[in-house]
């Protein structure tokens, strides 16, 4: 199986992301939560796999994010659902920090 090529896209300044918190950004119609937890930055799809709500509005703690609606919890590094009612993971994206800016590697959009 071939992996989709990814491109790094600047999404925000590091200072835009709160400690133990998240912000929401949209890249080519793809909602992404940029999250800081325990001093690390993560990028995770900003849609709970249980309900269609923004994860970026939930609580961030110990490398996880909790959906504000029903309490599903996801591992920020892997996207794995670690608390019900969600059972499916959410996509995660590689993050790079350079010169005070956060870049996220998103699937390259096919242009026709």
C-alpha atoms as a PDB file:
ATOM      1  CA  UNK A   1       0.000   0.000   0.000  1.00  0.00           C
ATOM      2  CA  UNK A   2       1.383   3.397  -0.994  1.00  0.00           C
ATOM      3  CA  UNK A   3       1.399   6.264   1.491  1.00  0.00           C
ATOM      4  CA  UNK A   4       0.078   9.636   0.453  1.00  0.00           C
ATOM      5  CA  UNK A   5       2.763  12.267   0.163  1.00  0.00           C
ATOM      6  CA  UNK A   6       2.674  14.927   2.845  1.00  0.00           C
ATOM      7  CA  UNK A   7       3.650  18.549   2.795  1.00  0.00           C
ATOM      8  CA  UNK A   8       4.592  20.748   5.747  1.00  0.00           C
ATOM      9  CA  UNK A   9       2.247  23.677   6.201  1.00  0.00           C
ATOM     10  CA  UNK A  10       2.773  26.528   8.675  1.00  0.00           C
ATOM     11  CA  UNK A  11      -0.328  26.639  10.868  1.00  0.00           C
ATOM     12  CA  UNK A  12       0.427  29.009  13.767  1.00  0.00           C
ATOM     13  CA  UNK A  13       3.019  30.465  16.101  1.00  0.00           C
ATOM     14  CA  UNK A  14       4.043  28.372  19.104  1.00  0.00           C
ATOM     15  CA  UNK A  15       2.786  31.189  21.319  1.00  0.00           C
ATOM     16  CA  UNK A  16      -0.741  30.700  19.883  1.00  0.00           C
ATOM     17  CA  UNK A  17      -1.044  27.271  21.530  1.00  0.00           C
ATOM     18  CA  UNK A  18      -1.831  27.390  25.260  1.00  0.00           C
ATOM     19  CA  UNK A  19       0.000  25.214  27.780  1.00  0.00           C
ATOM     20  CA  UNK A  20      -2.052  22.038  28.248  1.00  0.00           C
ATOM     21  CA  UNK A  21      -4.520  23.284  25.667  1.00  0.00           C
ATOM     22  CA  UNK A  22      -5.494  23.291  22.010  1.00  0.00           C
ATOM     23  CA  UNK A  23      -6.399  25.543  19.118  1.00  0.00           C
ATOM     24  CA  UNK A  24      -8.294  24.694  15.962  1.00  0.00           C
ATOM     25  CA  UNK A  25      -6.987  25.334  12.443  1.00  0.00           C
ATOM     26  CA  UNK A  26      -8.390  24.345   9.064  1.00  0.00           C
ATOM     27  CA  UNK A  27      -6.136  23.290   6.177  1.00  0.00           C
ATOM     28  CA  UNK A  28      -7.835  22.637   2.829  1.00  0.00           C
ATOM     29  CA  UNK A  29     -11.127  21.810   4.607  1.00  0.00           C
ATOM     30  CA  UNK A  30      -9.295  19.501   7.049  1.00  0.00           C
ATOM     31  CA  UNK A  31      -9.954  20.507  10.684  1.00  0.00           C
ATOM     32  CA  UNK A  32      -6.856  20.021  12.842  1.00  0.00           C
ATOM     33  CA  UNK A  33      -6.365  20.533  16.563  1.00  0.00           C
ATOM     34  CA  UNK A  34      -2.881  21.787  17.395  1.00  0.00           C
ATOM     35  CA  UNK A  35      -2.336  20.706  20.981  1.00  0.00           C
ATOM     36  CA  UNK A  36       0.319  21.313  23.628  1.00  0.00           C
ATOM     37  CA  UNK A  37       0.625  18.817  26.455  1.00  0.00           C
ATOM     38  CA  UNK A  38       3.521  18.193  28.805  1.00  0.00           C
ATOM     39  CA  UNK A  39       5.683  20.575  26.773  1.00  0.00           C
ATOM     40  CA  UNK A  40       5.143  18.719  23.459  1.00  0.00           C
ATOM     41  CA  UNK A  41       3.145  19.786  20.424  1.00  0.00           C
ATOM     42  CA  UNK A  42       0.755  17.485  18.573  1.00  0.00           C
ATOM     43  CA  UNK A  43      -1.601  17.716  15.605  1.00  0.00           C
ATOM     44  CA  UNK A  44      -4.719  15.571  15.593  1.00  0.00           C
ATOM     45  CA  UNK A  45      -7.850  15.645  13.464  1.00  0.00           C
ATOM     46  CA  UNK A  46     -10.230  18.029  15.192  1.00  0.00           C
ATOM     47  CA  UNK A  47     -13.266  15.740  14.996  1.00  0.00           C
ATOM     48  CA  UNK A  48     -14.220  13.145  17.596  1.00  0.00           C
ATOM     49  CA  UNK A  49     -14.634   9.685  16.044  1.00  0.00           C
ATOM     50  CA  UNK A  50     -17.751   9.100  18.161  1.00  0.00           C
ATOM     51  CA  UNK A  51     -19.624  12.344  17.430  1.00  0.00           C
ATOM     52  CA  UNK A  52     -18.949  15.125  14.942  1.00  0.00           C
ATOM     53  CA  UNK A  53     -17.668  17.675  17.484  1.00  0.00           C
ATOM     54  CA  UNK A  54     -14.396  19.573  17.825  1.00  0.00           C
ATOM     55  CA  UNK A  55     -11.823  17.904  20.043  1.00  0.00           C
ATOM     56  CA  UNK A  56      -9.989  21.241  20.377  1.00  0.00           C
ATOM     57  CA  UNK A  57     -12.774  22.386  22.728  1.00  0.00           C
ATOM     58  CA  UNK A  58     -12.041  19.549  25.168  1.00  0.00           C
ATOM     59  CA  UNK A  59      -9.690  19.174  28.116  1.00  0.00           C
ATOM     60  CA  UNK A  60      -6.001  18.378  27.545  1.00  0.00           C
ATOM     61  CA  UNK A  61      -4.161  16.392  30.198  1.00  0.00           C
ATOM     62  CA  UNK A  62      -1.177  14.024  30.385  1.00  0.00           C
ATOM     63  CA  UNK A  63      -0.758  13.563  26.629  1.00  0.00           C
ATOM     64  CA  UNK A  64      -4.474  13.066  25.977  1.00  0.00           C
ATOM     65  CA  UNK A  65      -7.451  15.122  24.823  1.00  0.00           C
ATOM     66  CA  UNK A  66     -11.008  14.562  26.006  1.00  0.00           C
ATOM     67  CA  UNK A  67     -14.089  15.200  23.890  1.00  0.00           C
ATOM     68  CA  UNK A  68     -16.251  17.739  25.689  1.00  0.00           C
ATOM     69  CA  UNK A  69     -19.541  16.122  24.610  1.00  0.00           C
ATOM     70  CA  UNK A  70     -19.386  12.537  25.897  1.00  0.00           C
ATOM     71  CA  UNK A  71     -15.948  12.263  27.500  1.00  0.00           C
ATOM     72  CA  UNK A  72     -14.168  10.098  24.939  1.00  0.00           C
ATOM     73  CA  UNK A  73     -10.403  10.398  25.415  1.00  0.00           C
ATOM     74  CA  UNK A  74      -7.694  10.118  22.749  1.00  0.00           C
ATOM     75  CA  UNK A  75      -3.938   9.624  22.925  1.00  0.00           C
ATOM     76  CA  UNK A  76      -2.341  12.673  21.270  1.00  0.00           C
ATOM     77  CA  UNK A  77       0.670  10.759  19.946  1.00  0.00           C
ATOM     78  CA  UNK A  78      -1.244   7.915  18.295  1.00  0.00           C
ATOM     79  CA  UNK A  79      -4.859   9.098  17.982  1.00  0.00           C
ATOM     80  CA  UNK A  80      -5.972   5.888  19.708  1.00  0.00           C
ATOM     81  CA  UNK A  81      -9.305   6.043  21.545  1.00  0.00           C
ATOM     82  CA  UNK A  82      -8.504   5.282  25.186  1.00  0.00           C
ATOM     83  CA  UNK A  83     -11.828   6.109  26.783  1.00  0.00           C
ATOM     84  CA  UNK A  84     -15.393   5.244  25.764  1.00  0.00           C
ATOM     85  CA  UNK A  85     -17.745   5.827  24.139  1.00  0.00           C
ATOM     86  CA  UNK A  86     -15.348   6.304  21.174  1.00  0.00           C
ATOM     87  CA  UNK A  87     -13.739   3.115  19.914  1.00  0.00           C
ATOM     88  CA  UNK A  88     -12.150   4.315  16.648  1.00  0.00           C
ATOM     89  CA  UNK A  89      -8.903   6.314  16.510  1.00  0.00           C
ATOM     90  CA  UNK A  90      -8.579   9.779  14.969  1.00  0.00           C
ATOM     91  CA  UNK A  91      -5.799  10.661  12.510  1.00  0.00           C
ATOM     92  CA  UNK A  92      -2.641  12.320  13.819  1.00  0.00           C
ATOM     93  CA  UNK A  93      -0.178  14.383  11.797  1.00  0.00           C
ATOM     94  CA  UNK A  94       3.568  14.957  12.173  1.00  0.00           C
ATOM     95  CA  UNK A  95       4.554  18.318  13.705  1.00  0.00           C
ATOM     96  CA  UNK A  96       7.710  20.352  13.199  1.00  0.00           C
ATOM     97  CA  UNK A  97       8.660  23.502  15.094  1.00  0.00           C
ATOM     98  CA  UNK A  98      10.970  26.009  13.457  1.00  0.00           C
ATOM     99  CA  UNK A  99      11.734  29.652  14.252  1.00  0.00           C
ATOM    100  CA  UNK A 100       8.792  29.938  16.636  1.00  0.00           C
ATOM    101  CA  UNK A 101       6.264  28.536  14.168  1.00  0.00           C
ATOM    102  CA  UNK A 102       4.366  25.251  14.115  1.00  0.00           C
ATOM    103  CA  UNK A 103       4.253  23.250  10.880  1.00  0.00           C
ATOM    104  CA  UNK A 104       1.984  20.255  10.316  1.00  0.00           C
ATOM    105  CA  UNK A 105       2.594  17.572   7.692  1.00  0.00           C
ATOM    106  CA  UNK A 106      -0.746  17.039   5.994  1.00  0.00           C
ATOM    107  CA  UNK A 107      -1.620  14.800   3.057  1.00  0.00           C
ATOM    108  CA  UNK A 108      -0.838  16.597  -0.180  1.00  0.00           C
ATOM    109  CA  UNK A 109      -4.050  17.636  -1.821  1.00  0.00           C
ATOM    110  CA  UNK A 110      -4.615  16.264  -5.300  1.00  0.00           C
ATOM    111  CA  UNK A 111      -5.224  19.166  -7.632  1.00  0.00           C
ATOM    112  CA  UNK A 112      -7.145  18.617 -10.849  1.00  0.00           C
END
